N, C-alpha and C. Protein backbone atom coordinates (compact mmCIF):
# COMPACT_ATOMS: atom_id res chain seq x y z
N MET A 1 -77.54 49.27 21.15
CA MET A 1 -76.79 48.16 21.77
C MET A 1 -77.42 46.87 21.54
N SER A 2 -76.84 45.91 20.92
CA SER A 2 -77.51 44.58 20.71
C SER A 2 -77.70 43.70 21.72
N ASP A 3 -78.65 42.76 21.72
CA ASP A 3 -78.91 41.88 22.65
C ASP A 3 -77.81 40.64 22.76
N TRP A 4 -77.28 40.33 23.85
CA TRP A 4 -76.36 39.30 23.88
C TRP A 4 -76.83 37.92 23.47
N THR A 5 -78.18 37.67 23.67
CA THR A 5 -78.65 36.33 23.29
C THR A 5 -78.86 36.17 21.75
N SER A 6 -78.84 37.32 21.08
CA SER A 6 -79.00 37.15 19.58
C SER A 6 -77.71 36.99 18.90
N LEU A 7 -76.63 37.23 19.65
CA LEU A 7 -75.25 37.01 19.13
C LEU A 7 -74.71 35.56 19.05
N TRP A 8 -75.17 34.77 18.05
CA TRP A 8 -74.91 33.42 18.18
C TRP A 8 -73.39 33.11 18.13
N TYR A 9 -72.62 33.97 17.43
CA TYR A 9 -71.17 33.65 17.24
C TYR A 9 -70.49 33.79 18.55
N VAL A 10 -71.06 34.75 19.51
CA VAL A 10 -70.38 34.85 20.77
C VAL A 10 -70.64 33.45 21.63
N TRP A 11 -71.76 33.06 21.57
CA TRP A 11 -72.07 31.80 22.25
C TRP A 11 -71.21 30.63 21.70
N LEU A 12 -70.97 30.67 20.30
CA LEU A 12 -70.19 29.60 19.68
C LEU A 12 -68.80 29.71 20.22
N ILE A 13 -68.24 30.87 20.38
CA ILE A 13 -66.92 31.15 20.83
C ILE A 13 -66.83 30.68 22.23
N LEU A 14 -67.78 31.04 23.12
CA LEU A 14 -67.73 30.58 24.43
C LEU A 14 -67.81 29.05 24.55
N LEU A 15 -68.63 28.36 23.67
CA LEU A 15 -68.70 27.03 23.69
C LEU A 15 -67.42 26.28 23.36
N LEU A 16 -66.72 26.82 22.36
CA LEU A 16 -65.43 26.39 21.81
C LEU A 16 -64.34 26.46 22.99
N VAL A 17 -64.39 27.67 23.57
CA VAL A 17 -63.32 27.83 24.72
C VAL A 17 -63.70 26.88 25.85
N PHE A 18 -64.92 26.65 26.23
CA PHE A 18 -65.24 25.72 27.31
C PHE A 18 -64.88 24.30 26.95
N LEU A 19 -65.11 23.93 25.72
CA LEU A 19 -64.75 22.61 25.18
C LEU A 19 -63.25 22.35 25.17
N LEU A 20 -62.41 23.38 24.87
CA LEU A 20 -60.99 23.26 24.91
C LEU A 20 -60.50 23.17 26.34
N LEU A 21 -61.08 23.92 27.14
CA LEU A 21 -60.64 23.81 28.56
C LEU A 21 -61.02 22.39 29.16
N LEU A 22 -62.27 21.92 28.73
CA LEU A 22 -62.39 20.60 29.37
C LEU A 22 -61.78 19.45 28.75
N CYS A 23 -61.25 19.65 27.44
CA CYS A 23 -60.35 18.68 26.83
C CYS A 23 -59.03 18.77 27.52
N GLY A 24 -58.55 19.85 27.77
CA GLY A 24 -57.24 20.14 28.47
C GLY A 24 -57.21 19.49 29.83
N VAL A 25 -58.25 19.64 30.61
CA VAL A 25 -58.37 19.12 32.01
C VAL A 25 -58.42 17.59 31.95
N SER A 26 -59.22 17.08 30.96
CA SER A 26 -59.37 15.67 30.81
C SER A 26 -58.10 14.93 30.46
N VAL A 27 -57.35 15.54 29.51
CA VAL A 27 -56.02 14.99 29.07
C VAL A 27 -55.07 15.06 30.16
N SER A 28 -54.93 16.11 30.92
CA SER A 28 -54.00 16.20 32.02
C SER A 28 -54.40 15.11 33.09
N CYS A 29 -55.65 14.84 33.35
CA CYS A 29 -56.18 13.95 34.47
C CYS A 29 -55.66 12.51 33.93
N VAL A 30 -55.83 12.23 32.65
CA VAL A 30 -55.53 10.90 32.11
C VAL A 30 -54.09 10.72 32.19
N ARG A 31 -53.36 11.75 31.86
CA ARG A 31 -51.82 11.49 31.81
C ARG A 31 -51.32 11.41 33.23
N PHE A 32 -51.94 12.01 34.15
CA PHE A 32 -51.59 11.93 35.61
C PHE A 32 -51.90 10.52 36.20
N CYS A 33 -53.09 10.12 35.79
CA CYS A 33 -53.52 8.78 36.39
C CYS A 33 -52.96 7.62 35.72
N CYS A 34 -52.64 7.63 34.48
CA CYS A 34 -52.17 6.49 33.73
C CYS A 34 -50.74 6.38 33.44
N ARG A 35 -49.87 7.43 34.08
CA ARG A 35 -48.45 7.31 33.72
C ARG A 35 -47.82 6.12 34.65
N LYS A 36 -46.82 5.55 34.22
CA LYS A 36 -46.31 4.51 34.89
C LYS A 36 -45.45 5.01 36.03
N LYS A 37 -45.56 4.22 37.13
CA LYS A 37 -44.72 4.67 38.25
C LYS A 37 -43.33 4.22 38.19
N ARG A 38 -42.40 5.10 38.15
CA ARG A 38 -41.11 4.84 38.14
C ARG A 38 -40.29 4.84 39.44
N ILE A 39 -39.33 4.05 39.59
CA ILE A 39 -38.57 3.93 40.81
C ILE A 39 -37.63 5.10 40.67
N PRO A 40 -37.57 6.10 41.72
CA PRO A 40 -36.77 7.15 41.62
C PRO A 40 -35.23 6.88 41.68
N VAL A 41 -34.50 7.35 40.73
CA VAL A 41 -33.08 7.03 40.61
C VAL A 41 -32.27 8.12 41.34
N GLU A 42 -31.34 7.70 42.00
CA GLU A 42 -30.48 8.70 42.82
C GLU A 42 -29.33 9.06 41.89
N PRO A 43 -29.00 10.39 41.75
CA PRO A 43 -28.00 10.75 40.79
C PRO A 43 -26.57 10.32 41.26
N PHE A 44 -26.39 10.31 42.68
CA PHE A 44 -25.19 9.88 43.14
C PHE A 44 -25.51 8.87 44.15
N PRO A 45 -24.66 7.69 44.16
CA PRO A 45 -24.88 6.62 45.06
C PRO A 45 -24.53 7.12 46.55
N ARG A 46 -25.35 6.55 47.38
CA ARG A 46 -25.02 7.04 48.79
C ARG A 46 -23.95 6.22 49.42
N HIS A 47 -23.01 6.88 50.11
CA HIS A 47 -21.85 6.23 50.81
C HIS A 47 -22.22 6.27 52.27
N PRO A 48 -21.85 5.18 53.01
CA PRO A 48 -22.05 5.10 54.36
C PRO A 48 -21.13 6.14 54.98
N CYS A 49 -21.68 6.89 56.09
CA CYS A 49 -20.92 7.91 56.66
C CYS A 49 -20.74 7.53 58.19
N ASP A 50 -19.61 8.12 58.67
CA ASP A 50 -19.36 7.90 60.19
C ASP A 50 -19.90 8.95 60.91
N LEU A 51 -20.44 8.59 62.17
CA LEU A 51 -21.10 9.59 62.96
C LEU A 51 -20.42 9.38 64.37
N ALA A 52 -19.86 10.57 64.87
CA ALA A 52 -19.28 10.49 66.13
C ALA A 52 -20.15 11.31 67.03
N VAL A 53 -20.39 10.73 68.23
CA VAL A 53 -21.28 11.24 69.35
C VAL A 53 -20.40 11.52 70.59
N ILE A 54 -20.24 12.68 71.07
CA ILE A 54 -19.56 13.03 72.25
C ILE A 54 -20.47 13.45 73.38
N GLY A 55 -20.43 12.63 74.34
CA GLY A 55 -21.35 13.04 75.52
C GLY A 55 -20.68 14.06 76.40
N ILE A 56 -21.36 15.09 76.68
CA ILE A 56 -20.76 16.16 77.51
C ILE A 56 -21.74 16.25 78.83
N ASP A 57 -21.01 16.16 79.83
CA ASP A 57 -21.56 16.29 81.20
C ASP A 57 -21.82 17.76 81.46
N SER A 58 -22.82 18.12 82.25
CA SER A 58 -23.06 19.51 82.61
C SER A 58 -21.92 20.10 83.58
N ASP A 59 -21.05 19.31 83.99
CA ASP A 59 -20.05 19.74 85.06
C ASP A 59 -18.68 19.91 84.15
N SER A 60 -18.68 19.53 83.00
CA SER A 60 -17.37 19.58 82.23
C SER A 60 -16.99 21.01 81.76
N THR A 61 -15.68 21.22 81.48
CA THR A 61 -15.32 22.52 81.03
C THR A 61 -15.88 22.84 79.67
N ALA A 62 -16.08 21.71 78.70
CA ALA A 62 -16.43 21.91 77.38
C ALA A 62 -17.84 22.53 77.50
N HIS A 63 -18.78 22.03 78.34
CA HIS A 63 -20.04 22.50 78.48
C HIS A 63 -20.20 23.96 78.79
N SER A 64 -19.35 24.35 79.80
CA SER A 64 -19.28 25.85 80.24
C SER A 64 -18.59 26.65 79.16
N THR A 65 -17.80 26.11 78.43
CA THR A 65 -17.27 26.94 77.27
C THR A 65 -18.32 27.15 76.12
N VAL A 66 -19.06 26.06 75.81
CA VAL A 66 -20.14 26.23 74.79
C VAL A 66 -21.23 27.11 75.17
N THR A 67 -21.66 27.07 76.44
CA THR A 67 -22.73 27.86 76.88
C THR A 67 -22.20 29.19 77.15
């Protein structure tokens, strides 16, 4: 079995893989930090909606029906 330190091509491959990973992380960080901030565009315009609130007292028949 050969010694791992004498296999120079293994260290070269490991160095290339490490450099590729380092370049990938650096490029993704630069893209994340330097991208322009865009205003989010809504796909559909919002329409005002009506909200009905009905107060129910605890003595009403509706309250006893719901509970």
